[in-house]
Amino acid sequence: MELKDFFDVLDQHLHCQPCMLKWLTMQRVVITGVGAVTPLGLNFKDSWDSVKKGRSGVSEGSKVVRPHLRWRSAGEVSNLLPDRYLSKKEANFVDPFTLYAVAAASEALEASGLSIGGKVDLGNAGIIVGSSRGGISTIEKEFCRMASGRHVSHLRLSPHLMSATTISAAASYVAMKLGIKGHCLGISNACSSGSNAIGEAFRLIQNGAASIVFAGGTEAPLCRLCIEGYGAAGVLSKSKPEDASRPFDKKRDGFVPAEGASILVLEEMQSALKRNAPIFGEIIGYSNVCDAFHLTKPSTEGEVRTMRAALADAGISTAEVGYVNAHGTSTVIGDLVESQSIRHVFGKNEVPVSSIKSMTGHMLGASGAFEVACTAMSIKEGIIPPTINTSDIDPECNINLITTAAHASIEIAITNSFGFGGVNAVLVLKKV
């Protein structure tokens, strides 16, 4: 948004008494806890350290073994022990996407300081968790068991199938484990799910409907249905793991499927300051805009509107943005459209851009949430993560792509999430 456009928007709000009152009464929202389980590490600290160092979590996938499989690269979560978070009985029927959410939320709770003293009452807290595919690996497992069964008992589906695979299972399970009894919502909005969950939690707190909300995304899509399904759609990379995820590169050929979760604790600022909570950053703007264009193809017009709407919501100009955390999936058309959109919004402003998916692969609904957390840390620590594997930048992707970690003083940054169906989410974060 140009400076003139910003002042026009501001002038409209100041001449509208209800709008002015809303601006004056909205609560400030900060991030006070972060948890993550990713291909880079089993907690947020290890994952973030790997991001800063440009380490890759992509390897040859082992969770889907098929000799004929053309898509071999994946970002896998390894060595996560279910019994640390679930009982043995629960571990037998809970889908991995729920396990990952519980693990990430447990870490976020501890990081927030809300559990200091060993006793915490989250009765009024909220929980919003996004996922694109929910319990799809459990669905596949149950149907494979039925298809291969020779006995009558094998033809019976698990009584836990429906409850374990619904999108809201992750939010509900986190609520049960942490004692959250307030607002509870499961969101499925394709690859924007995690960012949308955080954005909706931001809105709840901003408008005074809650003071603490756990929000983020979780995904466990490494099953044959997902890999062959996305592969058939022509959006997966066929390259070797060492450079399969290469956003904005001239030779990019698709995204790398990955699994993981990231959950953040969002809190009203005065509440956080009162209890001397750690603050990772502040969320100041959010937009959720639909392309209304195509089920799989992205739209430059839609992405431009989403970024501009988020900046307008935050009340800032493009000149104030010091970093763009790109959606950057490594697909041919997706990266091209996003780079064109960034250039359209920021014009000649050479704002630094990078893609964390070059290291994690694409965790679908979980990626947006993890990238919000990483964007907050980029601002807090003054570092722009690198985009790895991109050695020959596509000249048509005319952006200021950062390929080596760089130190920078960042006051404000945005993070993009764009999904199938033209569901777009952009969040604006600020230094505290």
Protein backbone atom coordinates (compact mmCIF):
# COMPACT_ATOMS: atom_id res chain seq x y z
CA MET A 1 0.00 0.00 0.00
CA GLU A 2 1.37 3.40 -0.97
CA LEU A 3 1.64 6.09 1.70
CA LYS A 4 -1.13 8.11 0.04
CA ASP A 5 -3.45 5.07 0.10
CA PHE A 6 -2.71 4.55 3.79
CA PHE A 7 -3.68 8.12 4.68
CA ASP A 8 -6.85 7.79 2.59
CA VAL A 9 -7.81 4.69 4.60
CA LEU A 10 -6.93 6.44 7.86
CA ASP A 11 -9.00 9.48 6.90
CA GLN A 12 -12.02 7.29 6.15
CA HIS A 13 -11.72 5.65 9.57
CA LEU A 14 -11.34 8.94 11.41
CA HIS A 15 -14.52 10.26 9.81
CA CYS A 16 -16.45 7.17 10.83
CA GLN A 17 -17.22 7.28 14.56
CA PRO A 18 -17.93 3.52 14.95
CA CYS A 19 -14.68 2.71 13.09
CA MET A 20 -12.70 5.19 15.18
CA LEU A 21 -14.16 3.74 18.38
CA LYS A 22 -13.23 0.25 17.22
CA TRP A 23 -9.63 1.28 16.50
CA LEU A 24 -9.36 2.90 19.92
CA THR A 25 -10.77 -0.09 21.82
CA MET A 26 -9.03 -2.97 20.03
CA GLN A 27 -6.64 -4.97 22.18
CA ARG A 28 -2.99 -5.49 21.27
CA VAL A 29 -1.99 -9.10 20.67
CA VAL A 30 1.42 -10.60 21.42
CA ILE A 31 2.99 -14.04 21.05
CA THR A 32 4.05 -15.39 24.45
CA GLY A 33 4.78 -19.03 23.67
CA VAL A 34 5.90 -21.10 20.70
CA GLY A 35 6.11 -24.84 20.14
CA ALA A 36 6.99 -26.87 17.07
CA VAL A 37 7.62 -30.36 15.75
CA THR A 38 9.18 -30.25 12.28
CA PRO A 39 11.53 -32.14 9.98
CA LEU A 40 14.23 -29.85 11.42
CA GLY A 41 13.72 -30.75 15.09
CA LEU A 42 11.38 -32.02 17.78
CA ASN A 43 11.01 -28.59 19.38
CA PHE A 44 10.92 -24.99 18.23
CA LYS A 45 14.42 -24.08 19.44
CA ASP A 46 16.11 -26.82 17.42
CA SER A 47 13.90 -26.12 14.41
CA TRP A 48 14.62 -22.38 14.51
CA ASP A 49 18.37 -22.96 14.96
CA SER A 50 18.32 -25.15 11.84
CA VAL A 51 16.43 -22.47 9.91
CA LYS A 52 19.01 -19.82 10.82
CA LYS A 53 21.84 -22.11 9.78
CA GLY A 54 20.20 -23.08 6.52
CA ARG A 55 19.98 -26.78 7.29
CA SER A 56 17.66 -29.01 5.30
CA GLY A 57 15.17 -31.39 6.87
CA VAL A 58 14.36 -33.01 3.54
CA SER A 59 15.42 -36.61 2.95
CA GLU A 60 14.39 -39.64 0.91
CA GLY A 61 10.97 -40.48 2.28
CA SER A 62 10.76 -43.68 4.32
CA LYS A 63 7.14 -43.54 5.51
CA VAL A 64 5.72 -44.37 2.08
CA VAL A 65 7.75 -47.17 0.49
CA ARG A 66 6.75 -47.89 -3.10
CA PRO A 67 9.34 -49.08 -5.66
CA HIS A 68 7.52 -47.31 -8.50
CA LEU A 69 7.05 -44.02 -6.64
CA ARG A 70 8.34 -41.08 -8.69
CA TRP A 71 8.29 -38.63 -5.79
CA ARG A 72 10.98 -39.71 -3.32
CA SER A 73 11.71 -36.58 -1.28
CA ALA A 74 9.92 -35.77 1.97
CA GLY A 75 10.26 -33.80 5.17
CA GLU A 76 9.71 -36.34 7.95
CA VAL A 77 9.36 -36.02 11.71
CA SER A 78 11.57 -38.68 13.29
CA ASN A 79 11.94 -40.15 16.78
CA LEU A 80 8.98 -38.38 18.40
CA LEU A 81 7.89 -40.59 21.30
CA PRO A 82 4.07 -40.72 21.61
CA ASP A 83 4.14 -41.90 25.23
CA ARG A 84 5.62 -38.57 26.27
CA TYR A 85 2.30 -36.93 25.40
CA LEU A 86 -0.28 -39.72 25.15
CA SER A 87 -1.22 -42.89 26.99
CA LYS A 88 -0.48 -46.21 25.27
CA LYS A 89 -4.18 -46.62 24.54
CA GLU A 90 -4.45 -43.17 22.95
CA ALA A 91 -1.31 -43.73 20.89
CA ASN A 92 -3.02 -46.71 19.21
CA PHE A 93 -5.80 -44.65 17.66
CA VAL A 94 -4.74 -41.00 17.61
CA ASP A 95 -3.57 -39.87 14.17
CA PRO A 96 -0.04 -38.41 13.95
CA PHE A 97 -1.43 -34.98 13.07
CA THR A 98 -3.05 -34.85 16.51
CA LEU A 99 0.07 -36.15 18.25
CA TYR A 100 2.16 -33.44 16.61
CA ALA A 101 -0.31 -30.75 17.70
CA VAL A 102 -0.31 -31.97 21.31
CA ALA A 103 3.51 -32.03 21.36
CA ALA A 104 3.79 -28.51 19.91
CA ALA A 105 1.08 -27.11 22.21
CA SER A 106 2.73 -28.65 25.26
CA GLU A 107 5.99 -26.93 24.38
CA ALA A 108 4.20 -23.63 23.71
CA LEU A 109 2.51 -23.84 27.13
CA GLU A 110 5.85 -24.35 28.86
CA ALA A 111 7.54 -21.57 26.86
CA SER A 112 4.75 -19.11 27.74
CA GLY A 113 5.31 -19.46 31.48
CA LEU A 114 1.63 -20.20 32.02
CA SER A 115 2.50 -23.53 33.63
CA ILE A 116 5.03 -22.16 36.14
CA GLY A 117 4.40 -23.78 39.50
CA GLY A 118 3.07 -26.94 37.90
CA LYS A 119 -0.56 -25.87 38.04
CA VAL A 120 -2.35 -23.90 35.36
CA ASP A 121 -6.00 -22.98 34.82
CA LEU A 122 -6.78 -22.51 31.13
CA GLY A 123 -10.52 -22.78 31.60
CA ASN A 124 -11.15 -19.50 29.78
CA ALA A 125 -8.42 -19.90 27.15
CA GLY A 126 -9.20 -20.73 23.53
CA ILE A 127 -7.74 -23.15 20.99
CA ILE A 128 -7.78 -22.92 17.18
CA VAL A 129 -5.83 -25.46 15.12
CA GLY A 130 -5.70 -25.66 11.34
CA SER A 131 -5.02 -28.68 9.13
CA SER A 132 -5.45 -29.29 5.43
CA ARG A 133 -5.67 -33.09 5.46
CA GLY A 134 -6.51 -34.01 9.06
CA GLY A 135 -6.26 -37.73 9.80
CA ILE A 136 -5.79 -38.86 6.21
CA SER A 137 -3.01 -41.35 7.04
CA THR A 138 -5.33 -43.12 9.50
CA ILE A 139 -8.10 -43.24 6.88
CA GLU A 140 -5.69 -44.84 4.43
CA LYS A 141 -4.43 -47.29 7.06
CA GLU A 142 -7.95 -48.46 7.95
CA PHE A 143 -9.04 -48.98 4.36
CA CYS A 144 -5.81 -50.82 3.51
CA ARG A 145 -6.43 -53.10 6.47
CA MET A 146 -9.93 -53.83 5.22
CA ALA A 147 -8.79 -54.40 1.65
CA SER A 148 -6.08 -56.86 2.65
CA GLY A 149 -8.11 -58.74 5.28
CA ARG A 150 -9.05 -62.36 4.75
CA HIS A 151 -11.06 -62.69 7.93
CA VAL A 152 -14.37 -61.12 8.91
CA SER A 153 -12.71 -59.21 11.77
CA HIS A 154 -10.53 -57.35 9.27
CA LEU A 155 -13.61 -55.98 7.57
CA ARG A 156 -14.60 -53.99 10.64
CA LEU A 157 -13.45 -50.42 10.79
CA SER A 158 -11.99 -49.04 14.00
CA PRO A 159 -14.61 -47.41 16.25
CA HIS A 160 -12.12 -44.55 16.62
CA LEU A 161 -11.86 -43.87 12.88
CA MET A 162 -14.30 -40.98 12.66
CA SER A 163 -13.33 -39.20 15.87
CA ALA A 164 -9.59 -39.58 15.22
CA THR A 165 -9.62 -38.26 11.65
CA THR A 166 -11.87 -35.21 11.82
CA ILE A 167 -10.09 -31.87 11.30
CA SER A 168 -11.14 -30.66 14.75
CA ALA A 169 -9.56 -33.68 16.50
CA ALA A 170 -6.27 -31.82 16.98
CA ALA A 171 -7.91 -28.80 18.63
CA SER A 172 -10.11 -31.02 20.80
CA TYR A 173 -7.24 -33.20 21.94
CA VAL A 174 -5.05 -30.23 22.79
CA ALA A 175 -7.96 -28.80 24.77
CA MET A 176 -8.37 -32.07 26.70
CA LYS A 177 -4.68 -32.37 27.45
CA LEU A 178 -4.20 -28.77 28.57
CA GLY A 179 -7.60 -28.16 30.15
CA ILE A 180 -8.70 -25.50 27.68
CA LYS A 181 -12.44 -24.90 28.03
CA GLY A 182 -13.02 -21.73 26.04
CA HIS A 183 -13.35 -21.12 22.31
CA CYS A 184 -12.47 -24.30 20.34
CA LEU A 185 -12.21 -24.49 16.57
CA GLY A 186 -10.67 -26.72 13.89
CA ILE A 187 -9.95 -24.96 10.59
CA SER A 188 -9.36 -26.56 7.19
CA ASN A 189 -8.42 -23.95 4.63
CA ALA A 190 -5.86 -25.81 2.50
CA CYS A 191 -2.26 -24.60 2.92
CA SER A 192 -3.42 -21.42 4.67
CA SER A 193 -5.01 -23.36 7.55
CA GLY A 194 -2.34 -22.68 10.18
CA SER A 195 -2.03 -18.99 9.31
CA ASN A 196 -5.81 -18.63 9.30
CA ALA A 197 -5.98 -20.25 12.75
CA ILE A 198 -3.51 -17.70 14.10
CA GLY A 199 -5.33 -14.88 12.32
CA GLU A 200 -8.70 -15.85 13.76
CA ALA A 201 -7.16 -16.14 17.23
CA PHE A 202 -5.69 -12.67 16.73
CA ARG A 203 -9.17 -11.37 15.91
CA LEU A 204 -10.69 -12.99 19.01
CA ILE A 205 -8.20 -11.32 21.33
CA GLN A 206 -8.14 -8.04 19.44
CA ASN A 207 -11.91 -7.72 19.80
CA GLY A 208 -11.93 -8.67 23.48
CA ALA A 209 -13.58 -12.09 23.09
CA ALA A 210 -10.60 -13.89 24.68
CA SER A 211 -7.35 -13.01 26.42
CA ILE A 212 -5.35 -16.20 25.71
CA VAL A 213 -5.66 -18.43 22.64
CA PHE A 214 -3.48 -21.35 21.53
CA ALA A 215 -3.34 -21.32 17.74
CA GLY A 216 -1.45 -22.92 14.87
CA GLY A 217 -1.40 -25.76 12.40
CA THR A 218 -0.61 -29.46 12.22
CA GLU A 219 -0.20 -31.95 9.41
CA ALA A 220 0.71 -35.61 8.79
CA PRO A 221 0.24 -36.09 5.03
CA LEU A 222 3.02 -38.60 4.36
CA CYS A 223 0.84 -41.40 3.09
CA ARG A 224 0.29 -42.86 -0.35
CA LEU A 225 -3.03 -41.06 -0.87
CA CYS A 226 -1.45 -37.65 -0.37
CA ILE A 227 1.81 -38.23 -2.16
CA GLU A 228 0.32 -39.88 -5.21
CA GLY A 229 -2.61 -37.47 -5.16
CA TYR A 230 -0.44 -34.35 -5.15
CA GLY A 231 1.92 -36.08 -7.55
CA ALA A 232 -0.88 -36.75 -10.01
CA ALA A 233 -1.81 -33.07 -9.78
CA GLY A 234 1.69 -32.25 -11.00
CA VAL A 235 2.78 -30.17 -8.02
CA LEU A 236 5.41 -32.44 -6.38
CA SER A 237 9.16 -32.33 -7.01
CA LYS A 238 10.81 -35.34 -8.61
CA SER A 239 14.30 -34.09 -7.74
CA LYS A 240 16.76 -35.66 -5.32
CA PRO A 241 16.33 -34.70 -1.64
CA GLU A 242 19.45 -32.53 -1.43
CA ASP A 243 17.94 -29.81 -3.62
CA ALA A 244 14.33 -30.81 -4.23
CA SER A 245 12.87 -27.77 -2.47
CA ARG A 246 14.30 -24.76 -4.29
CA PRO A 247 11.86 -21.84 -4.25
CA PHE A 248 12.17 -19.25 -7.02
CA ASP A 249 14.96 -21.24 -8.70
CA LYS A 250 15.00 -21.53 -12.49
CA LYS A 251 14.90 -25.36 -12.23
CA ARG A 252 12.25 -25.69 -9.52
CA ASP A 253 9.85 -28.54 -10.29
CA GLY A 254 7.38 -28.76 -7.41
CA PHE A 255 7.07 -28.84 -3.63
CA VAL A 256 8.33 -31.45 -1.18
CA PRO A 257 5.58 -32.95 1.04
CA ALA A 258 6.35 -32.66 4.75
CA GLU A 259 4.78 -33.19 8.15
CA GLY A 260 4.87 -31.34 11.45
CA ALA A 261 3.10 -28.83 13.68
CA SER A 262 3.54 -25.44 15.24
CA ILE A 263 1.35 -23.96 17.96
CA LEU A 264 1.64 -20.42 19.32
CA VAL A 265 0.25 -18.86 22.48
CA LEU A 266 -1.40 -15.55 21.62
CA GLU A 267 -2.20 -13.22 24.49
CA GLU A 268 -3.63 -9.78 25.13
CA MET A 269 -0.63 -7.53 25.74
CA GLN A 270 -1.63 -6.12 29.13
CA SER A 271 -2.30 -9.64 30.40
CA ALA A 272 1.14 -10.71 29.22
CA LEU A 273 2.89 -7.70 30.75
CA LYS A 274 1.06 -8.16 34.03
CA ARG A 275 2.43 -11.65 34.49
CA ASN A 276 5.87 -10.72 33.08
CA ALA A 277 5.49 -13.22 30.24
CA PRO A 278 8.13 -13.71 27.56
CA ILE A 279 7.13 -11.86 24.39
CA PHE A 280 8.26 -13.17 21.01
CA GLY A 281 6.56 -10.47 18.97
CA GLU A 282 3.33 -8.62 18.26
CA ILE A 283 0.72 -9.35 15.59
CA ILE A 284 -0.69 -6.11 14.21
CA GLY A 285 -2.53 -7.10 11.04
CA TYR A 286 -4.30 -9.98 9.32
CA SER A 287 -6.21 -10.59 6.12
CA ASN A 288 -8.13 -13.56 4.75
CA VAL A 289 -8.98 -13.02 1.09
CA CYS A 290 -10.28 -15.40 -1.57
CA ASP A 291 -9.17 -15.28 -5.21
CA ALA A 292 -12.56 -16.57 -6.46
CA PHE A 293 -10.56 -17.65 -9.49
CA HIS A 294 -9.51 -21.34 -9.70
CA LEU A 295 -9.31 -24.46 -7.52
CA THR A 296 -5.56 -24.92 -8.01
CA LYS A 297 -4.12 -22.00 -9.97
CA PRO A 298 -3.06 -18.94 -7.93
CA SER A 299 -4.10 -15.42 -8.82
CA THR A 300 -1.80 -12.40 -8.78
CA GLU A 301 -4.77 -10.11 -8.23
CA GLY A 302 -5.93 -12.15 -5.23
CA GLU A 303 -2.51 -12.30 -3.58
CA VAL A 304 -1.97 -8.58 -4.12
CA ARG A 305 -5.33 -7.82 -2.49
CA THR A 306 -4.46 -10.05 0.46
CA MET A 307 -1.13 -8.37 1.18
CA ARG A 308 -2.61 -4.91 0.79
CA ALA A 309 -5.55 -5.77 3.03
CA ALA A 310 -3.20 -7.01 5.77
CA LEU A 311 -1.10 -3.85 5.57
CA ALA A 312 -4.24 -1.71 5.69
CA ASP A 313 -5.49 -3.69 8.70
CA ALA A 314 -2.18 -3.01 10.44
CA GLY A 315 -2.30 0.65 9.41
CA ILE A 316 1.17 0.66 7.86
CA SER A 317 2.74 1.44 4.50
CA THR A 318 4.93 -0.80 2.35
CA ALA A 319 7.95 1.36 3.18
CA GLU A 320 7.77 0.17 6.80
CA VAL A 321 8.07 -3.53 5.94
CA GLY A 322 11.58 -4.89 6.41
CA TYR A 323 11.07 -8.53 5.46
CA VAL A 324 8.63 -10.77 3.59
CA ASN A 325 8.45 -14.41 4.65
CA ALA A 326 7.24 -15.90 1.39
CA HIS A 327 4.86 -18.80 0.88
CA GLY A 328 7.54 -19.99 -1.58
CA THR A 329 6.63 -23.64 -2.13
CA SER A 330 8.96 -24.31 -5.10
CA THR A 331 6.16 -24.91 -7.62
CA VAL A 332 6.62 -23.39 -11.07
CA ILE A 333 3.47 -21.28 -11.20
CA GLY A 334 3.08 -20.65 -7.47
CA ASP A 335 6.49 -19.00 -7.04
CA LEU A 336 6.09 -16.99 -10.23
CA VAL A 337 2.71 -15.58 -9.19
CA GLU A 338 3.88 -14.82 -5.64
CA SER A 339 7.00 -13.01 -6.85
CA GLN A 340 4.89 -10.95 -9.27
CA SER A 341 2.48 -10.16 -6.45
CA ILE A 342 5.26 -9.05 -4.10
CA ARG A 343 6.72 -6.85 -6.83
CA HIS A 344 3.28 -5.39 -7.56
CA VAL A 345 2.67 -4.52 -3.88
CA PHE A 346 6.14 -3.25 -3.00
CA GLY A 347 7.10 -1.76 -6.37
CA LYS A 348 10.74 -0.67 -6.52
CA ASN A 349 11.14 -1.20 -2.78
CA GLU A 350 13.74 -4.01 -2.65
CA VAL A 351 12.23 -5.64 0.44
CA PRO A 352 14.18 -8.81 1.45
CA VAL A 353 12.31 -12.06 0.77
CA SER A 354 13.04 -15.66 1.79
CA SER A 355 11.33 -19.05 1.94
CA ILE A 356 11.61 -21.38 4.92
CA LYS A 357 10.03 -24.21 2.92
CA SER A 358 13.37 -24.58 1.19
CA MET A 359 14.46 -26.24 4.45
CA THR A 360 11.32 -27.85 5.85
CA GLY A 361 9.53 -28.83 2.68
CA HIS A 362 5.83 -28.01 2.60
CA MET A 363 4.05 -28.99 5.84
CA LEU A 364 0.77 -27.82 4.29
CA GLY A 365 -1.41 -26.31 7.06
CA ALA A 366 1.45 -26.47 9.58
CA SER A 367 3.87 -24.46 7.44
CA GLY A 368 2.06 -21.15 7.79
CA ALA A 369 2.01 -21.42 11.58
CA PHE A 370 5.69 -22.37 11.78
CA GLU A 371 6.56 -19.50 9.45
CA VAL A 372 4.66 -17.02 11.65
CA ALA A 373 6.80 -18.18 14.59
CA CYS A 374 9.99 -17.91 12.53
CA THR A 375 9.00 -14.45 11.29
CA ALA A 376 8.55 -13.31 14.90
CA MET A 377 12.03 -14.64 15.70
CA SER A 378 13.49 -12.97 12.61
CA ILE A 379 12.26 -9.64 13.95
CA LYS A 380 13.30 -10.39 17.53
CA GLU A 381 16.81 -11.57 16.69
CA GLY A 382 17.40 -9.36 13.66
CA ILE A 383 18.09 -12.14 11.18
CA ILE A 384 16.67 -13.00 7.79
CA PRO A 385 16.71 -16.78 7.21
CA PRO A 386 18.20 -18.01 3.94
CA THR A 387 16.45 -19.60 0.99
CA ILE A 388 18.61 -22.67 0.44
CA ASN A 389 19.07 -24.72 -2.77
CA THR A 390 18.29 -21.71 -4.96
CA SER A 391 21.49 -21.24 -6.94
CA ASP A 392 20.04 -19.94 -10.20
CA ILE A 393 17.24 -17.48 -9.44
CA ASP A 394 14.54 -17.41 -12.08
CA PRO A 395 14.83 -13.98 -13.77
CA GLU A 396 11.03 -13.91 -14.02
CA CYS A 397 10.87 -14.08 -10.21
CA ASN A 398 12.19 -10.56 -9.90
CA ILE A 399 12.44 -10.15 -6.11
CA ASN A 400 15.20 -9.48 -3.59
CA LEU A 401 15.63 -13.14 -2.61
CA ILE A 402 17.92 -13.81 0.35
CA THR A 403 19.96 -16.99 -0.17
CA THR A 404 22.43 -16.53 2.69
CA ALA A 405 21.34 -15.70 6.26
CA ALA A 406 21.60 -11.96 6.76
CA HIS A 407 21.55 -9.74 9.83
CA ALA A 408 19.09 -6.88 9.59
CA SER A 409 17.19 -4.52 11.85
CA ILE A 410 13.56 -5.46 11.21
CA GLU A 411 10.71 -3.55 12.83
CA ILE A 412 7.84 -4.98 10.77
CA ALA A 413 7.51 -8.09 8.60
CA ILE A 414 4.76 -9.95 6.79
CA THR A 415 4.30 -13.68 6.25
CA ASN A 416 2.32 -15.12 3.33
CA SER A 417 0.22 -18.29 3.07
CA PHE A 418 -1.59 -19.13 -0.15
CA GLY A 419 -3.62 -22.31 -0.66
CA PHE A 420 -5.57 -24.33 -3.21
CA GLY A 421 -8.94 -22.79 -3.93
CA GLY A 422 -7.47 -19.29 -3.77
CA VAL A 423 -7.60 -19.11 0.03
CA ASN A 424 -5.01 -16.52 1.03
CA ALA A 425 -3.82 -15.41 4.45
CA VAL A 426 -1.26 -12.74 5.35
CA LEU A 427 -0.18 -11.74 8.85
CA VAL A 428 1.76 -8.61 9.83
CA LEU A 429 4.16 -8.78 12.77
CA LYS A 430 5.94 -6.04 14.67
CA LYS A 431 8.90 -5.78 17.02
CA VAL A 432 8.07 -5.26 20.68
